[in-house]
Amino acid sequence: MTNIRSGLTIFGASAVMIASGTSHAQTADVIFNGNIADACTVVADSPGTLAVNGTNTLLASTEAGGGPGAATVTASSSTFEVTVDAPTGFDTAPAGSDTNTTFGTTYDASGATTASSVAGTTATALGAGVTTLAVNASATKSSGIYESGSYSLTTTVRCAAQK
């Protein structure tokens, strides 16, 4: 050990400062980085309910006793759009129910995006954030009627890059 008059004591190869008075605080910045991918997710929240009109020629969620299904769409940017595909047929129904039937959908949007009574095939540009969709579906008979029985159909909510 070598003693130097300036108040510095050297121990081998390391130096320790002997200081009188107050010590000085030391700071260092810790930096965080991250990246959010451009993405859009769709979650089906609840099923809709179909009801029949008075002449048994229309099954729709907009009829009395029916109700829309719900989906949540989350977009990380405003580069996406949403559509709702109409069913191509019934998933469950009495035999022949698809004959002379036209299927359709509409939707309402609230939250980051607002829209009302949009035809399912019409794309709506999404705002960045969470949008809630109320999805309506219908099946219309051009001739004949819907017979008694259980009916179910499936719509598909699509989130895609804007065209």
C-alpha atoms as a PDB file:
ATOM      1  CA  MET A   1       0.000   0.000   0.000  1.00  0.00           C
ATOM      2  CA  THR A   2       1.326   3.441  -0.981  1.00  0.00           C
ATOM      3  CA  ASN A   3       0.094   6.603   0.714  1.00  0.00           C
ATOM      4  CA  ILE A   4      -0.137   9.737  -1.414  1.00  0.00           C
ATOM      5  CA  ARG A   5      -0.701  13.149   0.183  1.00  0.00           C
ATOM      6  CA  SER A   6      -3.615  14.124  -2.017  1.00  0.00           C
ATOM      7  CA  GLY A   7      -5.858  11.786  -0.092  1.00  0.00           C
ATOM      8  CA  LEU A   8      -5.631   8.959  -2.611  1.00  0.00           C
ATOM      9  CA  THR A   9      -4.790   5.572  -1.282  1.00  0.00           C
ATOM     10  CA  ILE A  10      -3.758   2.966  -3.810  1.00  0.00           C
ATOM     11  CA  PHE A  11      -4.392  -0.693  -3.051  1.00  0.00           C
ATOM     12  CA  GLY A  12      -2.621  -2.802  -5.642  1.00  0.00           C
ATOM     13  CA  ALA A  13      -4.072  -1.890  -9.076  1.00  0.00           C
ATOM     14  CA  SER A  14      -7.251  -0.223  -7.818  1.00  0.00           C
ATOM     15  CA  ALA A  15      -7.748   3.277  -6.546  1.00  0.00           C
ATOM     16  CA  VAL A  16     -10.103   4.480  -3.821  1.00  0.00           C
ATOM     17  CA  MET A  17     -10.759   8.160  -3.302  1.00  0.00           C
ATOM     18  CA  ILE A  18     -10.859   9.360   0.238  1.00  0.00           C
ATOM     19  CA  ALA A  19     -12.948  12.476   0.144  1.00  0.00           C
ATOM     20  CA  SER A  20     -14.075  14.799   2.773  1.00  0.00           C
ATOM     21  CA  GLY A  21     -17.523  16.384   2.630  1.00  0.00           C
ATOM     22  CA  THR A  22     -20.684  15.131   0.917  1.00  0.00           C
ATOM     23  CA  SER A  23     -20.824  12.265  -1.568  1.00  0.00           C
ATOM     24  CA  HIS A  24     -22.185  12.861  -5.087  1.00  0.00           C
ATOM     25  CA  ALA A  25     -25.220  10.948  -6.367  1.00  0.00           C
ATOM     26  CA  GLN A  26     -24.714   8.899  -9.492  1.00  0.00           C
ATOM     27  CA  THR A  27     -27.383   8.352 -12.152  1.00  0.00           C
ATOM     28  CA  ALA A  28     -27.741   6.222 -15.245  1.00  0.00           C
ATOM     29  CA  ASP A  29     -30.585   5.999 -17.753  1.00  0.00           C
ATOM     30  CA  VAL A  30     -32.073   2.598 -18.526  1.00  0.00           C
ATOM     31  CA  ILE A  31     -33.618   2.599 -22.000  1.00  0.00           C
ATOM     32  CA  PHE A  32     -36.542   0.413 -23.051  1.00  0.00           C
ATOM     33  CA  ASN A  33     -37.486  -0.318 -26.654  1.00  0.00           C
ATOM     34  CA  GLY A  34     -40.435  -2.155 -28.137  1.00  0.00           C
ATOM     35  CA  ASN A  35     -42.374  -2.686 -31.326  1.00  0.00           C
ATOM     36  CA  ILE A  36     -46.082  -3.202 -31.896  1.00  0.00           C
ATOM     37  CA  ALA A  37     -46.825  -5.213 -35.002  1.00  0.00           C
ATOM     38  CA  ASP A  38     -49.474  -3.990 -37.414  1.00  0.00           C
ATOM     39  CA  ALA A  39     -52.270  -6.409 -36.511  1.00  0.00           C
ATOM     40  CA  CYS A  40     -56.008  -6.857 -36.350  1.00  0.00           C
ATOM     41  CA  THR A  41     -57.817  -9.406 -34.186  1.00  0.00           C
ATOM     42  CA  VAL A  42     -61.450 -10.495 -34.132  1.00  0.00           C
ATOM     43  CA  VAL A  43     -63.153 -12.142 -31.156  1.00  0.00           C
ATOM     44  CA  ALA A  44     -66.702 -13.502 -31.363  1.00  0.00           C
ATOM     45  CA  ASP A  45     -68.270 -12.341 -28.095  1.00  0.00           C
ATOM     46  CA  SER A  46     -71.820 -13.701 -28.217  1.00  0.00           C
ATOM     47  CA  PRO A  47     -74.142 -15.489 -30.655  1.00  0.00           C
ATOM     48  CA  GLY A  48     -77.172 -13.866 -32.236  1.00  0.00           C
ATOM     49  CA  THR A  49     -80.767 -15.098 -32.162  1.00  0.00           C
ATOM     50  CA  LEU A  50     -82.928 -15.703 -35.226  1.00  0.00           C
ATOM     51  CA  ALA A  51     -86.677 -15.088 -35.162  1.00  0.00           C
ATOM     52  CA  VAL A  52     -89.288 -15.700 -37.860  1.00  0.00           C
ATOM     53  CA  ASN A  53     -91.654 -13.177 -39.412  1.00  0.00           C
ATOM     54  CA  GLY A  54     -95.437 -13.649 -39.471  1.00  0.00           C
ATOM     55  CA  THR A  55     -95.489 -15.446 -42.853  1.00  0.00           C
ATOM     56  CA  ASN A  56     -92.534 -17.798 -42.140  1.00  0.00           C
ATOM     57  CA  THR A  57     -90.599 -16.413 -45.121  1.00  0.00           C
ATOM     58  CA  LEU A  58     -87.914 -14.523 -43.198  1.00  0.00           C
ATOM     59  CA  LEU A  59     -85.602 -15.683 -40.410  1.00  0.00           C
ATOM     60  CA  ALA A  60     -83.633 -12.744 -39.066  1.00  0.00           C
ATOM     61  CA  SER A  61     -81.973 -11.366 -35.987  1.00  0.00           C
ATOM     62  CA  THR A  62     -83.811  -8.086 -36.644  1.00  0.00           C
ATOM     63  CA  GLU A  63     -87.275  -9.669 -36.280  1.00  0.00           C
ATOM     64  CA  ALA A  64     -89.158  -9.345 -32.977  1.00  0.00           C
ATOM     65  CA  GLY A  65     -87.630 -11.849 -30.560  1.00  0.00           C
ATOM     66  CA  GLY A  66     -84.328 -11.951 -32.454  1.00  0.00           C
ATOM     67  CA  GLY A  67     -81.079 -10.262 -31.542  1.00  0.00           C
ATOM     68  CA  PRO A  68     -77.673  -9.450 -33.022  1.00  0.00           C
ATOM     69  CA  GLY A  69     -74.494 -11.348 -32.371  1.00  0.00           C
ATOM     70  CA  ALA A  70     -71.484  -9.441 -31.059  1.00  0.00           C
ATOM     71  CA  ALA A  71     -67.824  -9.350 -32.009  1.00  0.00           C
ATOM     72  CA  THR A  72     -64.865  -7.263 -30.895  1.00  0.00           C
ATOM     73  CA  VAL A  73     -62.313  -6.099 -33.440  1.00  0.00           C
ATOM     74  CA  THR A  74     -58.997  -4.663 -32.243  1.00  0.00           C
ATOM     75  CA  ALA A  75     -56.818  -2.861 -34.787  1.00  0.00           C
ATOM     76  CA  SER A  76     -53.301  -1.629 -33.976  1.00  0.00           C
ATOM     77  CA  SER A  77     -53.522   1.009 -36.728  1.00  0.00           C
ATOM     78  CA  SER A  78     -56.009   2.587 -39.113  1.00  0.00           C
ATOM     79  CA  THR A  79     -54.816   0.466 -42.064  1.00  0.00           C
ATOM     80  CA  PHE A  80     -57.546  -2.181 -41.671  1.00  0.00           C
ATOM     81  CA  GLU A  81     -61.160  -2.639 -42.744  1.00  0.00           C
ATOM     82  CA  VAL A  82     -63.970  -4.903 -41.569  1.00  0.00           C
ATOM     83  CA  THR A  83     -66.657  -6.870 -43.441  1.00  0.00           C
ATOM     84  CA  VAL A  84     -69.165  -9.545 -42.413  1.00  0.00           C
ATOM     85  CA  ASP A  85     -69.647 -12.512 -44.766  1.00  0.00           C
ATOM     86  CA  ALA A  86     -73.167 -13.807 -45.243  1.00  0.00           C
ATOM     87  CA  PRO A  87     -73.786 -17.498 -44.614  1.00  0.00           C
ATOM     88  CA  THR A  88     -73.748 -19.779 -47.647  1.00  0.00           C
ATOM     89  CA  GLY A  89     -76.417 -21.977 -46.108  1.00  0.00           C
ATOM     90  CA  PHE A  90     -77.854 -23.140 -42.816  1.00  0.00           C
ATOM     91  CA  ASP A  91     -75.600 -25.111 -40.470  1.00  0.00           C
ATOM     92  CA  THR A  92     -78.680 -26.800 -39.015  1.00  0.00           C
ATOM     93  CA  ALA A  93     -82.195 -26.716 -40.480  1.00  0.00           C
ATOM     94  CA  PRO A  94     -85.014 -28.957 -41.664  1.00  0.00           C
ATOM     95  CA  ALA A  95     -84.330 -30.580 -45.045  1.00  0.00           C
ATOM     96  CA  GLY A  96     -84.797 -28.247 -48.008  1.00  0.00           C
ATOM     97  CA  SER A  97     -84.564 -25.022 -45.999  1.00  0.00           C
ATOM     98  CA  ASP A  98     -81.692 -23.699 -48.150  1.00  0.00           C
ATOM     99  CA  THR A  99     -83.848 -23.985 -51.305  1.00  0.00           C
ATOM    100  CA  ASN A 100     -84.995 -20.575 -52.617  1.00  0.00           C
ATOM    101  CA  THR A 101     -83.169 -18.850 -49.736  1.00  0.00           C
ATOM    102  CA  THR A 102     -81.018 -15.733 -49.880  1.00  0.00           C
ATOM    103  CA  PHE A 103     -78.701 -15.030 -46.951  1.00  0.00           C
ATOM    104  CA  GLY A 104     -77.517 -11.600 -45.845  1.00  0.00           C
ATOM    105  CA  THR A 105     -75.781  -9.692 -43.071  1.00  0.00           C
ATOM    106  CA  THR A 106     -75.583  -6.150 -41.740  1.00  0.00           C
ATOM    107  CA  TYR A 107     -73.556  -4.664 -38.915  1.00  0.00           C
ATOM    108  CA  ASP A 108     -73.295  -1.651 -36.642  1.00  0.00           C
ATOM    109  CA  ALA A 109     -69.959  -0.513 -35.223  1.00  0.00           C
ATOM    110  CA  SER A 110     -69.157   1.442 -32.074  1.00  0.00           C
ATOM    111  CA  GLY A 111     -65.962   2.397 -30.271  1.00  0.00           C
ATOM    112  CA  ALA A 112     -62.852   3.297 -32.290  1.00  0.00           C
ATOM    113  CA  THR A 113     -65.050   3.051 -35.406  1.00  0.00           C
ATOM    114  CA  THR A 114     -68.685   4.036 -35.728  1.00  0.00           C
ATOM    115  CA  ALA A 115     -71.056   2.901 -38.475  1.00  0.00           C
ATOM    116  CA  SER A 116     -74.743   2.050 -38.697  1.00  0.00           C
ATOM    117  CA  SER A 117     -76.723  -0.495 -40.721  1.00  0.00           C
ATOM    118  CA  VAL A 118     -73.845  -1.363 -43.060  1.00  0.00           C
ATOM    119  CA  ALA A 119     -74.407  -4.187 -45.572  1.00  0.00           C
ATOM    120  CA  GLY A 120     -72.101  -7.028 -44.582  1.00  0.00           C
ATOM    121  CA  THR A 121     -70.186  -7.031 -47.870  1.00  0.00           C
ATOM    122  CA  THR A 122     -69.434  -3.306 -47.569  1.00  0.00           C
ATOM    123  CA  ALA A 123     -65.988  -2.683 -46.083  1.00  0.00           C
ATOM    124  CA  THR A 124     -65.715  -0.112 -43.304  1.00  0.00           C
ATOM    125  CA  ALA A 125     -62.315   1.420 -42.553  1.00  0.00           C
ATOM    126  CA  LEU A 126     -61.341   0.771 -38.927  1.00  0.00           C
ATOM    127  CA  GLY A 127     -59.866   3.322 -36.576  1.00  0.00           C
ATOM    128  CA  ALA A 128     -56.967   2.259 -34.387  1.00  0.00           C
ATOM    129  CA  GLY A 129     -58.326   0.728 -31.178  1.00  0.00           C
ATOM    130  CA  VAL A 130     -61.249  -1.438 -30.113  1.00  0.00           C
ATOM    131  CA  THR A 131     -64.436  -1.568 -32.174  1.00  0.00           C
ATOM    132  CA  THR A 132     -67.530  -3.494 -31.085  1.00  0.00           C
ATOM    133  CA  LEU A 133     -69.726  -4.931 -33.832  1.00  0.00           C
ATOM    134  CA  ALA A 134     -73.420  -5.803 -33.552  1.00  0.00           C
ATOM    135  CA  VAL A 135     -73.900  -8.350 -36.350  1.00  0.00           C
ATOM    136  CA  ASN A 136     -77.311  -9.132 -37.846  1.00  0.00           C
ATOM    137  CA  ALA A 137     -78.078 -12.061 -40.157  1.00  0.00           C
ATOM    138  CA  SER A 138     -81.062 -12.956 -42.287  1.00  0.00           C
ATOM    139  CA  ALA A 139     -82.393 -15.750 -44.456  1.00  0.00           C
ATOM    140  CA  THR A 140     -85.183 -14.873 -46.888  1.00  0.00           C
ATOM    141  CA  LYS A 141     -87.338 -17.435 -48.751  1.00  0.00           C
ATOM    142  CA  SER A 142     -88.317 -16.313 -52.267  1.00  0.00           C
ATOM    143  CA  SER A 143     -90.950 -19.073 -52.481  1.00  0.00           C
ATOM    144  CA  GLY A 144     -92.256 -21.483 -49.897  1.00  0.00           C
ATOM    145  CA  ILE A 145     -91.950 -21.094 -46.133  1.00  0.00           C
ATOM    146  CA  TYR A 146     -89.618 -22.047 -43.332  1.00  0.00           C
ATOM    147  CA  GLU A 147     -91.000 -25.126 -41.606  1.00  0.00           C
ATOM    148  CA  SER A 148     -90.943 -25.692 -37.861  1.00  0.00           C
ATOM    149  CA  GLY A 149     -87.606 -26.877 -36.517  1.00  0.00           C
ATOM    150  CA  SER A 150     -84.214 -25.696 -35.291  1.00  0.00           C
ATOM    151  CA  TYR A 151     -82.175 -23.343 -37.460  1.00  0.00           C
ATOM    152  CA  SER A 152     -78.602 -22.129 -37.136  1.00  0.00           C
ATOM    153  CA  LEU A 153     -76.234 -20.307 -39.444  1.00  0.00           C
ATOM    154  CA  THR A 154     -72.748 -18.836 -39.243  1.00  0.00           C
ATOM    155  CA  THR A 155     -71.471 -15.435 -40.339  1.00  0.00           C
ATOM    156  CA  THR A 156     -67.778 -14.580 -40.591  1.00  0.00           C
ATOM    157  CA  VAL A 157     -66.359 -11.249 -39.426  1.00  0.00           C
ATOM    158  CA  ARG A 158     -63.253 -10.370 -41.442  1.00  0.00           C
ATOM    159  CA  CYS A 159     -60.582  -7.835 -40.635  1.00  0.00           C
ATOM    160  CA  ALA A 160     -58.154  -7.261 -43.500  1.00  0.00           C
ATOM    161  CA  ALA A 161     -55.738  -4.671 -44.812  1.00  0.00           C
ATOM    162  CA  GLN A 162     -57.582  -1.823 -46.552  1.00  0.00           C
ATOM    163  CA  LYS A 163     -57.756  -2.148 -50.314  1.00  0.00           C
END
